[in-house]
All heavy atoms as atom14 arrays in JSON, in Angstrom:
{
  "sequence": "TGRGKGTMSDWAPIAKEYDPLKAGSIDGTDEEPHDRAI",
  "atom14_mask": [
    [1, 1, 1, 1, 1, 1, 1, 0, 0, 0, 0, 0, 0, 0],
    [1, 1, 1, 1, 0, 0, 0, 0, 0, 0, 0, 0, 0, 0],
    [1, 1, 1, 1, 1, 1, 1, 1, 1, 1, 1, 0, 0, 0],
    [1, 1, 1, 1, 0, 0, 0, 0, 0, 0, 0, 0, 0, 0],
    [1, 1, 1, 1, 1, 1, 1, 1, 1, 0, 0, 0, 0, 0],
    [1, 1, 1, 1, 0, 0, 0, 0, 0, 0, 0, 0, 0, 0],
    [1, 1, 1, 1, 1, 1, 1, 0, 0, 0, 0, 0, 0, 0],
    [1, 1, 1, 1, 1, 1, 1, 1, 0, 0, 0, 0, 0, 0],
    [1, 1, 1, 1, 1, 1, 0, 0, 0, 0, 0, 0, 0, 0],
    [1, 1, 1, 1, 1, 1, 1, 1, 0, 0, 0, 0, 0, 0],
    [1, 1, 1, 1, 1, 1, 1, 1, 1, 1, 1, 1, 1, 1],
    [1, 1, 1, 1, 1, 0, 0, 0, 0, 0, 0, 0, 0, 0],
    [1, 1, 1, 1, 1, 1, 1, 0, 0, 0, 0, 0, 0, 0],
    [1, 1, 1, 1, 1, 1, 1, 1, 0, 0, 0, 0, 0, 0],
    [1, 1, 1, 1, 1, 0, 0, 0, 0, 0, 0, 0, 0, 0],
    [1, 1, 1, 1, 1, 1, 1, 1, 1, 0, 0, 0, 0, 0],
    [1, 1, 1, 1, 1, 1, 1, 1, 1, 0, 0, 0, 0, 0],
    [1, 1, 1, 1, 1, 1, 1, 1, 1, 1, 1, 1, 0, 0],
    [1, 1, 1, 1, 1, 1, 1, 1, 0, 0, 0, 0, 0, 0],
    [1, 1, 1, 1, 1, 1, 1, 0, 0, 0, 0, 0, 0, 0],
    [1, 1, 1, 1, 1, 1, 1, 1, 0, 0, 0, 0, 0, 0],
    [1, 1, 1, 1, 1, 1, 1, 1, 1, 0, 0, 0, 0, 0],
    [1, 1, 1, 1, 1, 0, 0, 0, 0, 0, 0, 0, 0, 0],
    [1, 1, 1, 1, 0, 0, 0, 0, 0, 0, 0, 0, 0, 0],
    [1, 1, 1, 1, 1, 1, 0, 0, 0, 0, 0, 0, 0, 0],
    [1, 1, 1, 1, 1, 1, 1, 1, 0, 0, 0, 0, 0, 0],
    [1, 1, 1, 1, 1, 1, 1, 1, 0, 0, 0, 0, 0, 0],
    [1, 1, 1, 1, 0, 0, 0, 0, 0, 0, 0, 0, 0, 0],
    [1, 1, 1, 1, 1, 1, 1, 0, 0, 0, 0, 0, 0, 0],
    [1, 1, 1, 1, 1, 1, 1, 1, 0, 0, 0, 0, 0, 0],
    [1, 1, 1, 1, 1, 1, 1, 1, 1, 0, 0, 0, 0, 0],
    [1, 1, 1, 1, 1, 1, 1, 1, 1, 0, 0, 0, 0, 0],
    [1, 1, 1, 1, 1, 1, 1, 0, 0, 0, 0, 0, 0, 0],
    [1, 1, 1, 1, 1, 1, 1, 1, 1, 1, 0, 0, 0, 0],
    [1, 1, 1, 1, 1, 1, 1, 1, 0, 0, 0, 0, 0, 0],
    [1, 1, 1, 1, 1, 1, 1, 1, 1, 1, 1, 0, 0, 0],
    [1, 1, 1, 1, 1, 0, 0, 0, 0, 0, 0, 0, 0, 0],
    [1, 1, 1, 1, 1, 1, 1, 1, 0, 0, 0, 0, 0, 0]
  ],
  "atom14_positions": [
    [[105.32, 63.2, 93.69], [104.35, 64.12, 94.16], [103.93, 63.8, 95.53], [103.62, 64.64, 96.42], [103.13, 64.18, 93.23], [103.6, 64.45, 91.92], [102.13, 65.22, 93.65], [0.0, 0.0, 0.0], [0.0, 0.0, 0.0], [0.0, 0.0, 0.0], [0.0, 0.0, 0.0], [0.0, 0.0, 0.0], [0.0, 0.0, 0.0], [0.0, 0.0, 0.0]],
    [[103.84, 62.51, 95.98], [103.44, 62.07, 97.19], [104.27, 62.56, 98.29], [103.91, 62.59, 99.49], [0.0, 0.0, 0.0], [0.0, 0.0, 0.0], [0.0, 0.0, 0.0], [0.0, 0.0, 0.0], [0.0, 0.0, 0.0], [0.0, 0.0, 0.0], [0.0, 0.0, 0.0], [0.0, 0.0, 0.0], [0.0, 0.0, 0.0], [0.0, 0.0, 0.0]],
    [[105.55, 62.84, 97.96], [106.49, 63.27, 98.92], [106.09, 64.59, 99.67], [106.43, 64.87, 100.75], [107.88, 63.47, 98.37], [108.53, 62.25, 97.89], [109.71, 62.57, 96.97], [110.63, 63.58, 97.56], [111.42, 64.32, 96.84], [111.56, 63.98, 95.54], [112.25, 65.17, 97.45], [0.0, 0.0, 0.0], [0.0, 0.0, 0.0], [0.0, 0.0, 0.0]],
    [[105.3, 65.41, 98.91], [105.1, 66.84, 99.41], [103.86, 66.8, 100.41], [103.6, 67.82, 100.99], [0.0, 0.0, 0.0], [0.0, 0.0, 0.0], [0.0, 0.0, 0.0], [0.0, 0.0, 0.0], [0.0, 0.0, 0.0], [0.0, 0.0, 0.0], [0.0, 0.0, 0.0], [0.0, 0.0, 0.0], [0.0, 0.0, 0.0], [0.0, 0.0, 0.0]],
    [[103.13, 65.69, 100.63], [101.92, 65.71, 101.35], [102.19, 65.84, 102.83], [101.98, 66.88, 103.41], [101.1, 64.54, 101.04], [100.63, 64.51, 99.55], [99.64, 63.36, 99.3], [99.04, 63.54, 97.83], [98.1, 62.56, 97.56], [0.0, 0.0, 0.0], [0.0, 0.0, 0.0], [0.0, 0.0, 0.0], [0.0, 0.0, 0.0], [0.0, 0.0, 0.0]],
    [[102.68, 64.94, 103.47], [103.05, 65.11, 104.88], [102.04, 65.64, 105.76], [100.84, 65.8, 105.36], [0.0, 0.0, 0.0], [0.0, 0.0, 0.0], [0.0, 0.0, 0.0], [0.0, 0.0, 0.0], [0.0, 0.0, 0.0], [0.0, 0.0, 0.0], [0.0, 0.0, 0.0], [0.0, 0.0, 0.0], [0.0, 0.0, 0.0], [0.0, 0.0, 0.0]],
    [[102.21, 65.85, 107.07], [101.22, 66.34, 107.99], [101.53, 67.77, 108.3], [102.56, 68.32, 108.2], [101.25, 65.53, 109.31], [102.54, 65.7, 109.95], [101.03, 64.06, 109.1], [0.0, 0.0, 0.0], [0.0, 0.0, 0.0], [0.0, 0.0, 0.0], [0.0, 0.0, 0.0], [0.0, 0.0, 0.0], [0.0, 0.0, 0.0], [0.0, 0.0, 0.0]],
    [[100.47, 68.54, 108.73], [100.61, 69.91, 109.0], [101.55, 70.19, 110.19], [102.21, 71.18, 110.4], [99.2, 70.53, 109.25], [98.39, 70.68, 108.01], [99.15, 71.61, 106.7], [98.97, 73.27, 107.35], [0.0, 0.0, 0.0], [0.0, 0.0, 0.0], [0.0, 0.0, 0.0], [0.0, 0.0, 0.0], [0.0, 0.0, 0.0], [0.0, 0.0, 0.0]],
    [[101.61, 69.13, 111.05], [102.49, 69.25, 112.26], [103.93, 69.27, 111.9], [104.76, 69.71, 112.76], [102.21, 68.1, 113.25], [102.39, 66.92, 112.64], [0.0, 0.0, 0.0], [0.0, 0.0, 0.0], [0.0, 0.0, 0.0], [0.0, 0.0, 0.0], [0.0, 0.0, 0.0], [0.0, 0.0, 0.0], [0.0, 0.0, 0.0], [0.0, 0.0, 0.0]],
    [[104.3, 68.8, 110.64], [105.66, 68.89, 110.2], [106.06, 70.17, 109.67], [107.21, 70.38, 109.25], [105.83, 67.7, 109.12], [105.62, 66.33, 109.66], [105.82, 66.19, 110.97], [105.23, 65.47, 108.93], [0.0, 0.0, 0.0], [0.0, 0.0, 0.0], [0.0, 0.0, 0.0], [0.0, 0.0, 0.0], [0.0, 0.0, 0.0], [0.0, 0.0, 0.0]],
    [[105.2, 71.08, 109.48], [105.46, 72.35, 108.86], [106.47, 73.19, 109.62], [106.31, 73.2, 110.92], [104.17, 73.2, 108.69], [104.39, 74.51, 107.94], [104.33, 74.66, 106.6], [104.7, 75.78, 108.48], [104.7, 76.02, 106.23], [104.85, 76.67, 107.41], [104.91, 76.16, 109.83], [105.18, 77.93, 107.63], [105.24, 77.52, 110.05], [105.37, 78.39, 109.03]],
    [[107.4, 73.89, 108.9], [108.34, 74.76, 109.64], [108.74, 75.84, 108.55], [108.76, 75.56, 107.4], [109.6, 73.99, 110.1], [0.0, 0.0, 0.0], [0.0, 0.0, 0.0], [0.0, 0.0, 0.0], [0.0, 0.0, 0.0], [0.0, 0.0, 0.0], [0.0, 0.0, 0.0], [0.0, 0.0, 0.0], [0.0, 0.0, 0.0], [0.0, 0.0, 0.0]],
    [[109.05, 77.05, 108.99], [109.32, 78.11, 108.06], [110.68, 77.86, 107.24], [110.86, 78.4, 106.14], [109.38, 79.33, 108.94], [109.71, 78.83, 110.28], [109.07, 77.49, 110.45], [0.0, 0.0, 0.0], [0.0, 0.0, 0.0], [0.0, 0.0, 0.0], [0.0, 0.0, 0.0], [0.0, 0.0, 0.0], [0.0, 0.0, 0.0], [0.0, 0.0, 0.0]],
    [[111.61, 77.15, 107.91], [112.86, 76.89, 107.3], [113.0, 75.4, 106.97], [112.76, 74.57, 107.91], [114.08, 77.32, 108.18], [114.02, 78.74, 108.39], [115.42, 76.93, 107.48], [114.21, 79.67, 107.2], [0.0, 0.0, 0.0], [0.0, 0.0, 0.0], [0.0, 0.0, 0.0], [0.0, 0.0, 0.0], [0.0, 0.0, 0.0], [0.0, 0.0, 0.0]],
    [[113.27, 75.02, 105.71], [113.34, 73.6, 105.35], [114.42, 72.89, 106.02], [115.61, 73.35, 106.08], [113.48, 73.55, 103.83], [0.0, 0.0, 0.0], [0.0, 0.0, 0.0], [0.0, 0.0, 0.0], [0.0, 0.0, 0.0], [0.0, 0.0, 0.0], [0.0, 0.0, 0.0], [0.0, 0.0, 0.0], [0.0, 0.0, 0.0], [0.0, 0.0, 0.0]],
    [[114.07, 71.68, 106.67], [115.09, 70.88, 107.29], [115.59, 69.82, 106.4], [116.62, 69.14, 106.61], [114.51, 70.24, 108.56], [114.06, 71.3, 109.62], [113.41, 70.64, 110.84], [112.98, 71.79, 111.8], [112.33, 71.25, 112.97], [0.0, 0.0, 0.0], [0.0, 0.0, 0.0], [0.0, 0.0, 0.0], [0.0, 0.0, 0.0], [0.0, 0.0, 0.0]],
    [[114.91, 69.65, 105.26], [115.3, 68.71, 104.25], [114.69, 69.25, 102.89], [113.61, 69.73, 102.9], [114.66, 67.26, 104.52], [115.03, 66.18, 103.48], [114.45, 64.83, 103.89], [114.31, 64.58, 105.09], [114.22, 64.09, 102.93], [0.0, 0.0, 0.0], [0.0, 0.0, 0.0], [0.0, 0.0, 0.0], [0.0, 0.0, 0.0], [0.0, 0.0, 0.0]],
    [[115.51, 69.14, 101.88], [115.08, 69.84, 100.63], [114.12, 69.0, 99.86], [114.4, 67.75, 99.55], [116.28, 70.14, 99.71], [115.87, 71.05, 98.64], [115.76, 72.43, 98.82], [115.55, 70.59, 97.31], [115.45, 73.26, 97.82], [115.23, 71.44, 96.33], [115.11, 72.84, 96.59], [114.68, 73.63, 95.59], [0.0, 0.0, 0.0], [0.0, 0.0, 0.0]],
    [[112.96, 69.48, 99.59], [111.89, 68.83, 98.82], [111.53, 69.84, 97.67], [110.96, 70.89, 97.92], [110.69, 68.45, 99.6], [109.66, 67.65, 98.88], [109.55, 67.84, 97.62], [108.9, 66.93, 99.45], [0.0, 0.0, 0.0], [0.0, 0.0, 0.0], [0.0, 0.0, 0.0], [0.0, 0.0, 0.0], [0.0, 0.0, 0.0], [0.0, 0.0, 0.0]],
    [[111.87, 69.54, 96.41], [111.55, 70.49, 95.37], [110.07, 71.0, 95.31], [109.74, 72.09, 94.94], [111.96, 69.76, 94.06], [112.88, 68.78, 94.49], [112.53, 68.39, 95.93], [0.0, 0.0, 0.0], [0.0, 0.0, 0.0], [0.0, 0.0, 0.0], [0.0, 0.0, 0.0], [0.0, 0.0, 0.0], [0.0, 0.0, 0.0], [0.0, 0.0, 0.0]],
    [[109.19, 70.03, 95.53], [107.73, 70.34, 95.58], [107.41, 71.32, 96.67], [106.67, 72.33, 96.34], [106.94, 69.05, 95.69], [105.38, 69.21, 95.67], [104.92, 69.84, 94.37], [104.76, 67.85, 95.86], [0.0, 0.0, 0.0], [0.0, 0.0, 0.0], [0.0, 0.0, 0.0], [0.0, 0.0, 0.0], [0.0, 0.0, 0.0], [0.0, 0.0, 0.0]],
    [[107.93, 71.1, 97.8], [107.6, 72.14, 98.94], [108.25, 73.37, 98.66], [107.82, 74.46, 98.95], [108.03, 71.5, 100.16], [107.19, 70.35, 100.64], [107.7, 69.78, 102.0], [106.83, 68.64, 102.52], [107.29, 68.16, 103.83], [0.0, 0.0, 0.0], [0.0, 0.0, 0.0], [0.0, 0.0, 0.0], [0.0, 0.0, 0.0], [0.0, 0.0, 0.0]],
    [[109.56, 73.35, 98.09], [110.27, 74.66, 97.85], [109.61, 75.52, 96.84], [109.81, 76.71, 96.88], [111.66, 74.3, 97.44], [0.0, 0.0, 0.0], [0.0, 0.0, 0.0], [0.0, 0.0, 0.0], [0.0, 0.0, 0.0], [0.0, 0.0, 0.0], [0.0, 0.0, 0.0], [0.0, 0.0, 0.0], [0.0, 0.0, 0.0], [0.0, 0.0, 0.0]],
    [[108.85, 74.89, 95.95], [108.11, 75.66, 94.95], [106.83, 76.23, 95.52], [106.08, 76.88, 94.78], [0.0, 0.0, 0.0], [0.0, 0.0, 0.0], [0.0, 0.0, 0.0], [0.0, 0.0, 0.0], [0.0, 0.0, 0.0], [0.0, 0.0, 0.0], [0.0, 0.0, 0.0], [0.0, 0.0, 0.0], [0.0, 0.0, 0.0], [0.0, 0.0, 0.0]],
    [[106.48, 75.99, 96.8], [105.18, 76.45, 97.38], [105.52, 77.51, 98.39], [106.43, 77.39, 99.19], [104.5, 75.25, 98.05], [103.46, 75.65, 98.86], [0.0, 0.0, 0.0], [0.0, 0.0, 0.0], [0.0, 0.0, 0.0], [0.0, 0.0, 0.0], [0.0, 0.0, 0.0], [0.0, 0.0, 0.0], [0.0, 0.0, 0.0], [0.0, 0.0, 0.0]],
    [[104.68, 78.59, 98.36], [104.86, 79.69, 99.28], [104.78, 79.29, 100.7], [105.37, 79.97, 101.61], [103.93, 80.86, 98.9], [104.39, 82.22, 99.59], [102.49, 80.47, 99.28], [103.62, 83.4, 99.13], [0.0, 0.0, 0.0], [0.0, 0.0, 0.0], [0.0, 0.0, 0.0], [0.0, 0.0, 0.0], [0.0, 0.0, 0.0], [0.0, 0.0, 0.0]],
    [[103.95, 78.41, 101.05], [103.82, 77.94, 102.44], [104.23, 76.44, 102.7], [104.04, 75.91, 103.76], [102.39, 78.09, 102.91], [101.34, 77.33, 102.04], [101.85, 76.59, 101.12], [100.13, 77.5, 102.21], [0.0, 0.0, 0.0], [0.0, 0.0, 0.0], [0.0, 0.0, 0.0], [0.0, 0.0, 0.0], [0.0, 0.0, 0.0], [0.0, 0.0, 0.0]],
    [[104.83, 75.85, 101.64], [105.36, 74.47, 101.78], [104.28, 73.42, 101.82], [104.53, 72.36, 102.33], [0.0, 0.0, 0.0], [0.0, 0.0, 0.0], [0.0, 0.0, 0.0], [0.0, 0.0, 0.0], [0.0, 0.0, 0.0], [0.0, 0.0, 0.0], [0.0, 0.0, 0.0], [0.0, 0.0, 0.0], [0.0, 0.0, 0.0], [0.0, 0.0, 0.0]],
    [[103.08, 73.64, 101.33], [101.97, 72.76, 101.4], [101.47, 72.23, 99.99], [100.52, 71.5, 100.02], [100.82, 73.36, 102.18], [100.37, 74.52, 101.55], [101.25, 73.66, 103.58], [0.0, 0.0, 0.0], [0.0, 0.0, 0.0], [0.0, 0.0, 0.0], [0.0, 0.0, 0.0], [0.0, 0.0, 0.0], [0.0, 0.0, 0.0], [0.0, 0.0, 0.0]],
    [[102.08, 72.66, 98.91], [101.54, 72.3, 97.61], [101.71, 70.75, 97.43], [102.62, 70.09, 97.94], [102.43, 72.98, 96.47], [101.95, 74.38, 96.21], [101.13, 74.86, 96.94], [102.57, 74.97, 95.29], [0.0, 0.0, 0.0], [0.0, 0.0, 0.0], [0.0, 0.0, 0.0], [0.0, 0.0, 0.0], [0.0, 0.0, 0.0], [0.0, 0.0, 0.0]],
    [[100.66, 70.22, 96.75], [100.7, 68.78, 96.4], [100.86, 68.55, 94.93], [100.98, 67.35, 94.55], [99.35, 68.17, 96.92], [99.16, 68.3, 98.38], [97.94, 67.68, 98.91], [97.2, 67.05, 98.05], [97.6, 67.69, 100.05], [0.0, 0.0, 0.0], [0.0, 0.0, 0.0], [0.0, 0.0, 0.0], [0.0, 0.0, 0.0], [0.0, 0.0, 0.0]],
    [[100.93, 69.55, 94.11], [101.13, 69.44, 92.65], [102.17, 70.47, 92.23], [102.06, 71.6, 92.58], [99.84, 69.63, 91.93], [98.81, 68.51, 92.1], [99.31, 67.17, 91.56], [100.12, 67.18, 90.6], [98.77, 66.15, 91.92], [0.0, 0.0, 0.0], [0.0, 0.0, 0.0], [0.0, 0.0, 0.0], [0.0, 0.0, 0.0], [0.0, 0.0, 0.0]],
    [[103.13, 70.15, 91.36], [104.07, 71.14, 90.83], [103.32, 72.19, 89.95], [102.41, 71.83, 89.25], [105.07, 70.34, 89.96], [104.77, 68.9, 90.3], [103.27, 68.86, 90.83], [0.0, 0.0, 0.0], [0.0, 0.0, 0.0], [0.0, 0.0, 0.0], [0.0, 0.0, 0.0], [0.0, 0.0, 0.0], [0.0, 0.0, 0.0], [0.0, 0.0, 0.0]],
    [[103.71, 73.44, 90.13], [103.14, 74.54, 89.29], [103.94, 75.08, 88.22], [103.56, 75.98, 87.46], [102.74, 75.66, 90.27], [103.87, 76.34, 90.95], [104.7, 77.2, 90.35], [104.19, 76.21, 92.27], [105.53, 77.61, 91.15], [105.36, 77.03, 92.41], [0.0, 0.0, 0.0], [0.0, 0.0, 0.0], [0.0, 0.0, 0.0], [0.0, 0.0, 0.0]],
    [[105.25, 74.56, 88.03], [106.06, 74.84, 86.86], [106.95, 73.73, 86.41], [107.19, 72.84, 87.26], [106.92, 76.22, 87.15], [107.95, 76.04, 88.26], [108.79, 75.16, 88.04], [107.96, 76.81, 89.16], [0.0, 0.0, 0.0], [0.0, 0.0, 0.0], [0.0, 0.0, 0.0], [0.0, 0.0, 0.0], [0.0, 0.0, 0.0], [0.0, 0.0, 0.0]],
    [[107.39, 73.8, 85.23], [108.18, 72.66, 84.7], [109.49, 72.47, 85.47], [110.05, 71.35, 85.54], [108.51, 72.92, 83.19], [107.2, 72.86, 82.34], [107.6, 73.07, 80.92], [106.43, 73.05, 80.07], [106.45, 73.26, 78.72], [107.61, 73.5, 78.07], [105.35, 73.19, 78.04], [0.0, 0.0, 0.0], [0.0, 0.0, 0.0], [0.0, 0.0, 0.0]],
    [[110.08, 73.55, 86.02], [111.32, 73.45, 86.64], [111.25, 72.56, 87.96], [112.19, 71.9, 88.31], [111.87, 74.82, 87.09], [0.0, 0.0, 0.0], [0.0, 0.0, 0.0], [0.0, 0.0, 0.0], [0.0, 0.0, 0.0], [0.0, 0.0, 0.0], [0.0, 0.0, 0.0], [0.0, 0.0, 0.0], [0.0, 0.0, 0.0], [0.0, 0.0, 0.0]],
    [[110.08, 72.66, 88.59], [109.87, 71.83, 89.76], [109.82, 70.26, 89.36], [110.51, 69.48, 90.01], [108.56, 72.21, 90.44], [108.72, 73.62, 91.02], [108.28, 71.21, 91.58], [107.44, 74.03, 91.71], [0.0, 0.0, 0.0], [0.0, 0.0, 0.0], [0.0, 0.0, 0.0], [0.0, 0.0, 0.0], [0.0, 0.0, 0.0], [0.0, 0.0, 0.0]]
  ]
}
């Protein structure tokens, strides 16, 4: 879960590295998974 935290300056609309936690978030900023698949 800690992988998804990061800084806001790292935010980008297209993922440069795949993070399931971020991919499950509409803006890439979630810190907790919201479904079991994540």
